[in-house]
Amino acid sequence: MKKNKSILIVLLVVLFMSIGYAILASTFDLNSVIGLRRQIFNIHFANPVLEGNDFTVISAPTYTDEKQTEINFEISLDELGSMVSLNANIVNDGTIAGEIEEIKLTGIPENLSEYIFTRTIYEWGTELRVGDVLDPGDIVPVKIIIGYMMPDGLVEELPDTSNPITVKTSIKYVNTRKTGVSDIASLTTVTDPINDLIRINQNNIYSSNKIDFNRSFKNGTSGLFELKKENEVPIYFYRGNSTSTNNYLITNNYCWRIIRTTETGGIKLIYNGYQYDGMCDTYRDTYTYSYYSEEDNVDYSESLINQMFMDCSSDGGGGGGSVARGNRAATIEPEGSICDLSSNELIEDYTYCNNYRFYKDDITDLTCDEGRGMNVANGKLYRPIALIDVPEANLCGYNVYEPSNSWLSVEDSWQNYWTMTGSVNYKTKALGLIGYDTTSSLPNINQLKVYPVITLKSTVKISGEGTPSNPYIVEGLEPDSSSSGGGGGPK
């Protein structure tokens, strides 16, 4: 009997070994038919076109190599103020991500180097930088801008720029294991809404735990996010691209976009233009204001911000004003109706912040340094109107060191606008910008844009969905149904 049992056990072991071997063998057979797809590295320029003003094309853009990674063109800049941009797409037709290793623009004569400025930017306004990643299948539009401008200081005689200049541009990509930045977020639970906006969106708010605030928003989840810190009131902010971020709101005849909530539960807004039949135009209309900072260490912040909004009239009209800054004229286009709105009981006298320190020191810290808070109560603001600051712009996806698809970016690369935060390079009291080139000194070019910022009280009642066609409407500040748009507005 024991012998039979032993034989049975041996047979079972052999059977299991056979089954195991069969499974193992089939696994090897399965692996034997899996191949590795050929990997291709192929990043190149496409569809180059020259545009600009006061320049002559000697030869149109042509590729200088078979792989289409270099373009050359020949132009002459006809007069002071001439500008030309090479518009092209950078395309990744391969299967491997590429990272920018080098950006070159050659052909500018040495005797013109002081007079010719160049920039290489993405279509949405921020500079291309070494380290930027292009994923397989991605197409990004870029502009290589060349302009003829007067340098700072007096010049006895301008150089001759009528001779042709042959320019060659090259953006070198190398293969990389990195991937482009993508904010993919999951929904979070909100149990205690701090205002009506959060109540409406209570079940559609994303967690910010996985956001890398050292990087700008390029793609991923667009929407309303929660920033939660221990023992502090949560901050809710809109992050994402312009078309998918539904943060439009109307007060009277004007449209705004919601930046974020505040520690008081208020709702901070940035001006976006007129309302039309209860809908918002996605195009931004703005104030214009020229400000030149020749003395970067002079604190113009309080007087400058007040000057931007001081010439409002109580009847909704008012003419333009001017102010001298560094012996140069600054002009503003006042908006009476917005200034009237600032005195409404639904508007909070919020403390706006003009910190000297730049945001990267503590990206998500929205607290204000001592003495840098500005409001009507402490006498530093004439009205509860100010500008966006860079830390909150960073929450919304804008980053001055990287290209961004943030809804705060303006499509026209020359439409820079002012912030309340110190300029990037100098980290001084001179105001910084959001726009095409925020890492250089404040540019001495024409008027720059101003988007007023106001804050609604936490007690306001709102309705709507936040889309351009069905924006949020504030109870007590409903749009005038008898008209489309407002009068006396920004130019």
Protein backbone atom coordinates (compact mmCIF):
# COMPACT_ATOMS: atom_id res chain seq x y z
CA MET A 1 0.00 0.00 0.00
CA LYS A 2 2.82 2.38 0.94
CA LYS A 3 4.54 1.46 -2.32
CA ASN A 4 1.41 2.34 -4.30
CA LYS A 5 1.16 5.65 -2.48
CA SER A 6 4.78 6.40 -3.29
CA ILE A 7 4.21 5.61 -6.97
CA LEU A 8 1.12 7.86 -6.92
CA ILE A 9 3.05 10.76 -5.39
CA VAL A 10 5.82 10.38 -7.97
CA LEU A 11 3.26 10.35 -10.77
CA LEU A 12 1.60 13.49 -9.39
CA VAL A 13 4.94 15.29 -9.11
CA VAL A 14 5.79 14.32 -12.68
CA LEU A 15 2.34 15.47 -13.81
CA PHE A 16 2.68 18.85 -12.10
CA MET A 17 6.21 19.26 -13.47
CA SER A 18 4.90 18.48 -16.94
CA ILE A 19 2.07 21.00 -16.60
CA GLY A 20 4.50 23.57 -15.20
CA TYR A 21 6.92 22.92 -18.06
CA ALA A 22 4.11 23.26 -20.57
CA ILE A 23 3.12 26.58 -19.07
CA LEU A 24 6.74 27.70 -18.99
CA ALA A 25 7.28 26.59 -22.54
CA SER A 26 4.19 28.38 -23.77
CA THR A 27 5.41 31.50 -22.03
CA PHE A 28 8.73 31.29 -23.84
CA ASP A 29 6.87 30.66 -27.07
CA LEU A 30 4.79 33.82 -26.41
CA ASN A 31 7.87 35.90 -25.76
CA SER A 32 9.50 34.56 -28.85
CA VAL A 33 6.96 36.35 -31.08
CA ILE A 34 7.31 39.77 -29.41
CA GLY A 35 9.58 42.12 -31.32
CA LEU A 36 10.97 45.56 -30.56
CA ARG A 37 9.60 48.32 -32.74
CA ARG A 38 12.23 50.38 -34.51
CA GLN A 39 12.83 53.67 -32.69
CA ILE A 40 13.18 56.82 -34.80
CA PHE A 41 14.58 60.22 -33.83
CA ASN A 42 13.14 62.85 -36.16
CA ILE A 43 12.66 66.46 -35.03
CA HIS A 44 12.67 69.19 -37.65
CA PHE A 45 11.33 72.56 -38.80
CA ALA A 46 8.24 72.79 -41.01
CA ASN A 47 6.31 75.53 -42.85
CA PRO A 48 8.69 78.49 -42.38
CA VAL A 49 7.23 81.93 -43.22
CA LEU A 50 8.67 85.44 -42.84
CA GLU A 51 6.50 88.27 -41.47
CA GLY A 52 7.17 91.74 -40.10
CA ASN A 53 7.44 95.39 -41.00
CA ASP A 54 9.88 97.63 -42.86
CA PHE A 55 12.16 94.88 -44.09
CA THR A 56 13.10 93.55 -47.51
CA VAL A 57 13.35 89.86 -48.33
CA ILE A 58 16.42 89.09 -50.39
CA SER A 59 15.91 85.33 -50.26
CA ALA A 60 13.05 83.42 -48.67
CA PRO A 61 13.58 80.83 -45.92
CA THR A 62 15.19 77.62 -47.19
CA TYR A 63 16.41 74.49 -45.45
CA THR A 64 20.19 74.18 -45.28
CA ASP A 65 20.29 70.46 -44.60
CA GLU A 66 18.35 67.37 -45.72
CA LYS A 67 16.91 66.77 -42.28
CA GLN A 68 15.32 70.26 -42.22
CA THR A 69 16.86 71.12 -38.86
CA GLU A 70 18.38 74.41 -40.05
CA ILE A 71 16.83 77.34 -41.92
CA ASN A 72 18.52 80.33 -43.51
CA PHE A 73 17.08 83.51 -45.04
CA GLU A 74 18.43 86.83 -46.27
CA ILE A 75 16.91 90.20 -45.38
CA SER A 76 17.70 93.88 -45.06
CA LEU A 77 16.24 95.96 -42.23
CA ASP A 78 15.10 99.16 -43.89
CA GLU A 79 14.85 101.60 -40.97
CA LEU A 80 14.90 102.02 -37.21
CA GLY A 81 12.00 100.00 -35.84
CA SER A 82 12.18 97.34 -38.56
CA MET A 83 11.18 93.91 -37.36
CA VAL A 84 10.94 90.48 -38.94
CA SER A 85 9.89 87.14 -37.51
CA LEU A 86 10.47 83.68 -38.92
CA ASN A 87 7.35 81.69 -38.06
CA ALA A 88 7.69 77.93 -38.23
CA ASN A 89 6.60 74.69 -36.60
CA ILE A 90 8.94 72.36 -34.78
CA VAL A 91 7.67 68.83 -35.40
CA ASN A 92 8.55 65.56 -33.69
CA ASP A 93 7.76 62.91 -36.33
CA GLY A 94 9.78 60.29 -34.51
CA THR A 95 9.14 57.85 -31.68
CA ILE A 96 11.69 59.33 -29.26
CA ALA A 97 11.36 62.51 -27.18
CA GLY A 98 13.86 65.28 -27.87
CA GLU A 99 15.42 67.84 -25.54
CA ILE A 100 16.86 71.19 -26.67
CA GLU A 101 20.64 71.13 -26.27
CA GLU A 102 21.51 74.32 -28.16
CA ILE A 103 19.81 77.33 -29.77
CA LYS A 104 21.78 79.22 -32.42
CA LEU A 105 21.11 82.32 -34.47
CA THR A 106 24.06 83.38 -36.61
CA GLY A 107 24.68 85.97 -39.29
CA ILE A 108 24.26 89.26 -37.37
CA PRO A 109 27.26 91.50 -38.28
CA GLU A 110 29.40 92.53 -35.31
CA ASN A 111 28.98 96.24 -36.09
CA LEU A 112 25.19 95.83 -35.74
CA SER A 113 25.18 93.72 -32.59
CA GLU A 114 24.23 96.70 -30.39
CA TYR A 115 21.31 97.62 -32.65
CA ILE A 116 19.86 94.23 -33.53
CA PHE A 117 17.86 92.36 -30.91
CA THR A 118 16.78 88.76 -31.32
CA ARG A 119 14.39 86.46 -29.50
CA THR A 120 13.38 82.85 -30.02
CA ILE A 121 9.93 82.26 -28.56
CA TYR A 122 7.01 79.88 -28.67
CA GLU A 123 3.86 81.23 -30.33
CA TRP A 124 2.24 81.77 -26.93
CA GLY A 125 5.00 84.14 -25.91
CA THR A 126 7.61 82.45 -23.71
CA GLU A 127 11.19 81.77 -24.72
CA LEU A 128 12.57 78.47 -25.96
CA ARG A 129 15.13 77.25 -23.47
CA VAL A 130 17.80 74.59 -23.29
CA GLY A 131 16.17 71.58 -21.62
CA ASP A 132 12.70 72.03 -23.15
CA VAL A 133 11.28 68.65 -24.18
CA LEU A 134 9.30 67.78 -27.32
CA ASP A 135 7.38 64.50 -27.07
CA PRO A 136 6.75 62.18 -30.04
CA GLY A 137 3.89 63.47 -32.17
CA ASP A 138 4.07 67.01 -30.77
CA ILE A 139 4.03 70.09 -33.00
CA VAL A 140 4.92 73.48 -31.50
CA PRO A 141 4.79 76.82 -33.35
CA VAL A 142 7.80 79.10 -32.78
CA LYS A 143 8.94 82.57 -33.78
CA ILE A 144 12.51 83.75 -34.32
CA ILE A 145 12.28 87.55 -34.02
CA ILE A 146 14.87 90.01 -35.31
CA GLY A 147 14.47 93.74 -34.80
CA TYR A 148 16.40 96.97 -35.39
CA MET A 149 16.18 99.22 -32.32
CA MET A 150 17.94 102.17 -30.78
CA PRO A 151 20.13 101.06 -27.88
CA ASP A 152 20.03 102.84 -24.52
CA GLY A 153 21.98 106.09 -24.43
CA LEU A 154 22.74 108.71 -27.07
CA VAL A 155 24.14 107.68 -30.43
CA GLU A 156 25.73 110.21 -32.77
CA GLU A 157 25.25 108.21 -35.95
CA LEU A 158 23.19 105.10 -36.69
CA PRO A 159 24.77 102.32 -38.72
CA ASP A 160 23.75 101.38 -42.24
CA THR A 161 21.42 98.37 -42.13
CA SER A 162 20.40 98.46 -45.80
CA ASN A 163 22.97 95.81 -46.75
CA PRO A 164 21.55 92.28 -46.77
CA ILE A 165 21.94 90.18 -43.64
CA THR A 166 22.01 86.41 -44.07
CA VAL A 167 20.62 84.77 -40.95
CA LYS A 168 20.79 81.07 -40.08
CA THR A 169 18.81 79.61 -37.22
CA SER A 170 19.29 76.21 -35.65
CA ILE A 171 17.64 74.58 -32.63
CA LYS A 172 19.49 71.39 -31.77
CA TYR A 173 17.53 68.58 -30.14
CA VAL A 174 19.07 65.45 -28.64
CA ASN A 175 17.24 62.27 -27.66
CA THR A 176 16.11 62.10 -24.05
CA ARG A 177 14.25 59.87 -21.64
CA LYS A 178 12.47 62.89 -20.21
CA THR A 179 8.86 63.59 -21.07
CA GLY A 180 7.06 66.88 -21.52
CA VAL A 181 5.34 68.36 -18.51
CA SER A 182 1.76 67.19 -18.05
CA ASP A 183 -0.50 67.98 -15.11
CA ILE A 184 -2.83 64.99 -14.85
CA ALA A 185 -4.95 65.43 -11.74
CA SER A 186 -7.59 63.49 -9.85
CA LEU A 187 -10.68 64.90 -8.16
CA THR A 188 -10.60 65.74 -4.47
CA THR A 189 -13.32 65.86 -1.83
CA VAL A 190 -14.50 69.26 -0.60
CA THR A 191 -16.78 69.03 2.44
CA ASP A 192 -16.86 72.64 3.64
CA PRO A 193 -17.15 75.14 0.73
CA ILE A 194 -15.70 78.55 1.61
CA ASN A 195 -17.92 80.47 -0.84
CA ASP A 196 -20.58 80.07 -3.52
CA LEU A 197 -18.02 79.35 -6.25
CA ILE A 198 -16.72 76.33 -4.37
CA ARG A 199 -20.25 75.21 -3.49
CA ILE A 200 -21.20 75.16 -7.19
CA ASN A 201 -18.04 73.23 -8.12
CA GLN A 202 -17.87 71.10 -4.99
CA ASN A 203 -17.79 67.79 -6.87
CA ASN A 204 -15.52 68.96 -9.66
CA ILE A 205 -12.39 70.22 -7.91
CA TYR A 206 -8.96 68.66 -8.45
CA SER A 207 -6.17 67.95 -6.01
CA SER A 208 -2.93 69.89 -6.51
CA ASN A 209 -0.78 67.26 -4.75
CA LYS A 210 0.89 66.09 -7.97
CA ILE A 211 1.51 69.52 -9.50
CA ASP A 212 5.15 70.50 -9.88
CA PHE A 213 4.96 74.24 -9.31
CA ASN A 214 8.54 74.61 -10.48
CA ARG A 215 7.21 73.93 -13.99
CA SER A 216 4.70 75.77 -16.11
CA PHE A 217 1.44 74.25 -17.33
CA LYS A 218 1.84 72.81 -20.82
CA ASN A 219 -0.82 70.14 -21.04
CA GLY A 220 -2.97 67.99 -18.82
CA THR A 221 -5.96 68.72 -16.60
CA SER A 222 -7.52 72.19 -16.81
CA GLY A 223 -9.89 73.30 -14.08
CA LEU A 224 -10.32 74.37 -10.47
CA PHE A 225 -7.68 73.04 -8.06
CA GLU A 226 -7.41 72.94 -4.27
CA LEU A 227 -4.23 73.98 -2.45
CA LYS A 228 -4.53 72.74 1.11
CA LYS A 229 -2.13 73.53 3.94
CA GLU A 230 -2.39 72.38 7.52
CA ASN A 231 -4.46 74.67 9.75
CA GLU A 232 -4.98 77.18 6.92
CA VAL A 233 -7.98 78.08 4.79
CA PRO A 234 -7.70 76.15 1.49
CA ILE A 235 -6.90 78.20 -1.61
CA TYR A 236 -8.74 77.30 -4.81
CA PHE A 237 -7.18 78.35 -8.11
CA TYR A 238 -7.79 77.92 -11.84
CA ARG A 239 -4.96 76.22 -13.68
CA GLY A 240 -4.88 75.05 -17.29
CA ASN A 241 -5.14 76.27 -20.86
CA SER A 242 -7.33 79.10 -22.06
CA THR A 243 -9.91 77.08 -23.97
CA SER A 244 -10.59 74.45 -21.27
CA THR A 245 -10.38 76.61 -18.15
CA ASN A 246 -13.94 77.70 -17.42
CA ASN A 247 -13.34 80.64 -15.09
CA TYR A 248 -15.30 83.44 -16.82
CA LEU A 249 -17.40 85.77 -14.68
CA ILE A 250 -19.48 88.88 -15.43
CA THR A 251 -20.02 91.98 -13.30
CA ASN A 252 -22.30 94.56 -14.90
CA ASN A 253 -20.97 95.09 -18.44
CA TYR A 254 -17.53 93.57 -17.99
CA CYS A 255 -16.03 90.12 -18.13
CA TRP A 256 -13.38 88.78 -15.79
CA ARG A 257 -11.54 85.53 -15.28
CA ILE A 258 -11.20 84.05 -11.81
CA ILE A 259 -7.60 83.75 -10.61
CA ARG A 260 -8.12 82.16 -7.21
CA THR A 261 -9.85 82.37 -3.87
CA THR A 262 -8.20 84.12 -0.93
CA GLU A 263 -7.53 83.28 2.70
CA THR A 264 -10.63 85.34 3.53
CA GLY A 265 -12.75 83.27 1.15
CA GLY A 266 -12.92 86.08 -1.41
CA ILE A 267 -12.77 85.54 -5.18
CA LYS A 268 -9.94 87.29 -7.00
CA LEU A 269 -10.63 88.36 -10.60
CA ILE A 270 -8.54 89.64 -13.52
CA TYR A 271 -10.13 91.83 -16.20
CA ASN A 272 -10.90 90.17 -19.53
CA GLY A 273 -12.97 92.64 -21.58
CA TYR A 274 -16.63 93.34 -22.33
CA GLN A 275 -19.69 91.16 -21.95
CA TYR A 276 -21.94 90.72 -24.99
CA ASP A 277 -25.52 89.60 -24.44
CA GLY A 278 -24.53 87.90 -21.20
CA MET A 279 -21.53 86.14 -22.76
CA CYS A 280 -17.77 86.73 -22.57
CA ASP A 281 -15.46 87.35 -25.47
CA THR A 282 -12.31 85.23 -25.22
CA TYR A 283 -10.30 88.14 -26.67
CA ARG A 284 -8.83 90.39 -23.98
CA ASP A 285 -9.29 94.13 -24.15
CA THR A 286 -6.99 96.07 -21.85
CA TYR A 287 -5.72 99.27 -20.45
CA THR A 288 -2.40 100.40 -21.87
CA TYR A 289 0.30 101.92 -19.70
CA SER A 290 3.88 102.89 -20.51
CA TYR A 291 6.36 102.52 -17.68
CA TYR A 292 10.11 102.63 -17.98
CA SER A 293 12.34 101.66 -15.11
CA GLU A 294 15.64 103.47 -15.57
CA GLU A 295 16.31 103.33 -11.85
CA ASP A 296 15.56 99.76 -10.85
CA ASN A 297 16.17 100.41 -7.17
CA VAL A 298 13.52 103.11 -6.83
CA ASP A 299 10.29 101.81 -5.31
CA TYR A 300 7.63 102.97 -7.75
CA SER A 301 5.22 100.21 -6.78
CA GLU A 302 2.66 102.16 -4.75
CA SER A 303 2.62 105.33 -6.82
CA LEU A 304 2.70 103.41 -10.10
CA ILE A 305 -0.15 101.03 -9.31
CA ASN A 306 -2.28 103.89 -7.99
CA GLN A 307 -1.47 106.02 -11.01
CA MET A 308 -2.72 103.28 -13.32
CA PHE A 309 -6.21 103.62 -11.87
CA MET A 310 -6.39 107.09 -10.33
CA ASP A 311 -7.91 109.03 -13.24
CA CYS A 312 -11.30 107.31 -13.16
CA SER A 313 -14.38 109.49 -13.23
CA SER A 314 -17.54 108.72 -11.27
CA ASP A 315 -19.79 108.93 -14.35
CA GLY A 316 -18.16 106.03 -16.17
CA GLY A 317 -16.15 108.18 -18.56
CA GLY A 318 -12.98 110.15 -18.15
CA GLY A 319 -10.08 111.12 -20.30
CA GLY A 320 -6.61 109.73 -20.40
CA GLY A 321 -3.93 110.81 -18.02
CA SER A 322 -0.16 110.88 -18.10
CA VAL A 323 2.68 110.64 -15.65
CA ALA A 324 6.44 110.99 -15.94
CA ARG A 325 8.66 108.05 -15.04
CA GLY A 326 12.38 108.44 -15.63
CA ASN A 327 11.79 111.46 -17.89
CA ARG A 328 9.57 109.41 -20.20
CA ALA A 329 5.85 109.77 -20.70
CA ALA A 330 3.39 107.22 -19.38
CA THR A 331 -0.19 107.25 -20.60
CA ILE A 332 -3.25 105.44 -19.31
CA GLU A 333 -6.73 104.79 -20.59
CA PRO A 334 -8.97 104.96 -17.51
CA GLU A 335 -12.12 102.88 -17.13
CA GLY A 336 -14.76 104.66 -15.12
CA SER A 337 -17.19 101.76 -14.78
CA ILE A 338 -14.58 99.46 -13.24
CA CYS A 339 -13.59 102.18 -10.83
CA ASP A 340 -17.27 102.62 -9.93
CA LEU A 341 -17.44 98.88 -9.35
CA SER A 342 -14.52 99.09 -6.93
CA SER A 343 -16.69 101.11 -4.52
CA ASN A 344 -19.52 98.55 -4.59
CA GLU A 345 -20.32 96.85 -1.29
CA LEU A 346 -19.65 93.43 -2.86
CA ILE A 347 -15.98 94.31 -3.49
CA GLU A 348 -13.50 93.48 -0.72
CA ASP A 349 -10.71 95.81 0.33
CA TYR A 350 -8.29 92.93 -0.08
CA THR A 351 -4.60 93.26 0.78
CA TYR A 352 -2.64 93.01 -2.47
CA CYS A 353 1.01 92.11 -2.18
CA ASN A 354 4.13 93.62 -3.75
CA ASN A 355 6.86 91.37 -2.35
CA TYR A 356 10.44 92.05 -3.37
CA ARG A 357 11.39 88.38 -3.28
CA PHE A 358 10.75 86.37 -6.38
CA TYR A 359 8.26 83.51 -6.22
CA LYS A 360 10.64 80.61 -6.81
CA ASP A 361 11.98 81.02 -3.29
CA ASP A 362 8.68 79.62 -1.99
CA ILE A 363 6.35 79.03 -4.88
CA THR A 364 3.11 78.27 -3.10
CA ASP A 365 3.57 80.72 -0.22
CA LEU A 366 1.03 83.49 -0.84
CA THR A 367 1.78 85.33 2.41
CA CYS A 368 2.97 88.91 2.23
CA ASP A 369 6.26 90.27 3.56
CA GLU A 370 6.02 92.87 6.28
CA GLY A 371 5.21 96.31 4.91
CA ARG A 372 4.46 95.06 1.39
CA GLY A 373 0.68 94.71 1.74
CA MET A 374 -1.37 97.32 -0.11
CA ASN A 375 -5.04 98.16 0.52
CA VAL A 376 -7.29 101.18 0.96
CA ALA A 377 -7.45 100.74 4.74
CA ASN A 378 -3.69 101.17 5.20
CA GLY A 379 -3.61 104.13 2.80
CA LYS A 380 -1.46 102.46 0.13
CA LEU A 381 -4.24 102.15 -2.46
CA TYR A 382 -6.69 104.82 -3.61
CA ARG A 383 -9.15 102.11 -4.64
CA PRO A 384 -9.31 98.33 -4.05
CA ILE A 385 -7.88 97.69 -7.53
CA ALA A 386 -4.39 96.33 -8.21
CA LEU A 387 -2.55 93.78 -10.38
CA ILE A 388 -1.89 90.07 -10.37
CA ASP A 389 1.27 88.94 -8.55
CA VAL A 390 3.70 86.32 -9.80
CA PRO A 391 3.17 83.68 -7.06
CA GLU A 392 -0.52 83.37 -7.92
CA ALA A 393 0.29 83.48 -11.65
CA ASN A 394 2.51 80.49 -10.96
CA LEU A 395 -0.41 78.65 -9.33
CA CYS A 396 -2.40 79.27 -12.52
CA GLY A 397 0.30 77.61 -14.63
CA TYR A 398 2.44 80.54 -15.76
CA ASN A 399 6.19 80.30 -15.21
CA VAL A 400 8.64 82.91 -16.45
CA TYR A 401 11.39 80.36 -17.05
CA GLU A 402 9.46 78.00 -19.32
CA PRO A 403 7.03 78.03 -22.22
CA SER A 404 3.47 77.78 -20.99
CA ASN A 405 -0.04 77.13 -22.28
CA SER A 406 -1.53 78.78 -19.20
CA TRP A 407 -4.76 80.73 -19.62
CA LEU A 408 -2.84 83.74 -18.25
CA SER A 409 -0.61 83.85 -21.31
CA VAL A 410 -1.63 86.15 -24.15
CA GLU A 411 -1.48 84.73 -27.67
CA ASP A 412 0.07 87.87 -29.14
CA SER A 413 3.69 87.64 -28.05
CA TRP A 414 4.02 91.42 -27.84
CA GLN A 415 1.15 91.88 -25.43
CA ASN A 416 3.19 91.92 -22.23
CA TYR A 417 1.38 92.98 -19.10
CA TRP A 418 2.37 94.18 -15.66
CA THR A 419 2.45 92.21 -12.42
CA MET A 420 2.93 93.50 -8.86
CA THR A 421 6.06 91.38 -8.31
CA GLY A 422 9.65 92.50 -8.74
CA SER A 423 11.33 91.92 -12.09
CA VAL A 424 12.97 88.53 -12.51
CA ASN A 425 16.66 89.19 -13.16
CA TYR A 426 17.18 92.10 -10.86
CA LYS A 427 14.79 91.03 -8.08
CA THR A 428 14.33 94.71 -7.32
CA LYS A 429 11.40 97.03 -6.72
CA ALA A 430 10.83 97.51 -10.45
CA LEU A 431 7.66 95.73 -11.53
CA GLY A 432 7.94 92.52 -13.54
CA LEU A 433 5.93 91.31 -16.52
CA ILE A 434 3.96 88.41 -17.88
CA GLY A 435 4.74 88.02 -21.56
CA TYR A 436 7.24 87.09 -24.24
CA ASP A 437 10.47 87.87 -22.37
CA THR A 438 10.37 88.36 -18.62
CA THR A 439 13.94 87.40 -17.84
CA SER A 440 15.59 90.55 -19.20
CA SER A 441 15.48 94.09 -17.87
CA LEU A 442 12.24 95.97 -18.36
CA PRO A 443 12.08 96.75 -22.07
CA ASN A 444 12.05 100.30 -23.41
CA ILE A 445 9.32 99.67 -25.95
CA ASN A 446 5.91 101.28 -26.47
CA GLN A 447 2.94 100.90 -24.17
CA LEU A 448 2.51 97.70 -22.18
CA LYS A 449 -0.75 96.19 -21.01
CA VAL A 450 -2.57 96.45 -17.70
CA TYR A 451 -5.22 93.99 -16.50
CA PRO A 452 -6.97 95.35 -13.39
CA VAL A 453 -7.55 92.91 -10.54
CA ILE A 454 -10.39 93.14 -7.99
CA THR A 455 -11.66 90.79 -5.24
CA LEU A 456 -15.27 89.82 -4.58
CA LYS A 457 -16.32 89.24 -0.98
CA SER A 458 -16.81 85.67 0.19
CA THR A 459 -20.53 86.31 0.71
CA VAL A 460 -21.41 86.94 -2.96
CA LYS A 461 -23.98 84.69 -4.60
CA ILE A 462 -23.21 83.46 -8.08
CA SER A 463 -24.82 81.29 -10.75
CA GLY A 464 -23.73 79.91 -14.11
CA GLU A 465 -21.07 77.50 -15.36
CA GLY A 466 -18.02 79.71 -15.93
CA THR A 467 -17.89 79.12 -19.70
CA PRO A 468 -17.67 82.00 -22.21
CA SER A 469 -21.26 81.32 -23.33
CA ASN A 470 -22.60 80.77 -19.78
CA PRO A 471 -20.26 82.67 -17.45
CA TYR A 472 -20.72 83.02 -13.73
CA ILE A 473 -23.09 85.88 -12.88
CA VAL A 474 -22.88 87.75 -9.57
CA GLU A 475 -26.18 88.46 -7.86
CA GLY A 476 -26.52 92.23 -7.56
CA LEU A 477 -24.01 92.83 -10.37
CA GLU A 478 -25.96 91.27 -13.25
CA PRO A 479 -25.20 92.41 -16.81
CA ASP A 480 -27.35 95.12 -18.31
CA SER A 481 -29.75 93.23 -20.58
CA SER A 482 -30.51 96.37 -22.60
CA SER A 483 -27.00 96.68 -24.01
CA SER A 484 -24.07 94.64 -25.17
CA GLY A 485 -20.72 95.68 -23.85
CA GLY A 486 -19.85 98.75 -21.84
CA GLY A 487 -19.11 102.30 -22.74
CA GLY A 488 -16.01 104.29 -21.96
CA GLY A 489 -13.93 101.13 -21.81
CA PRO A 490 -10.24 100.42 -22.33
CA LYS A 491 -8.82 101.07 -25.75
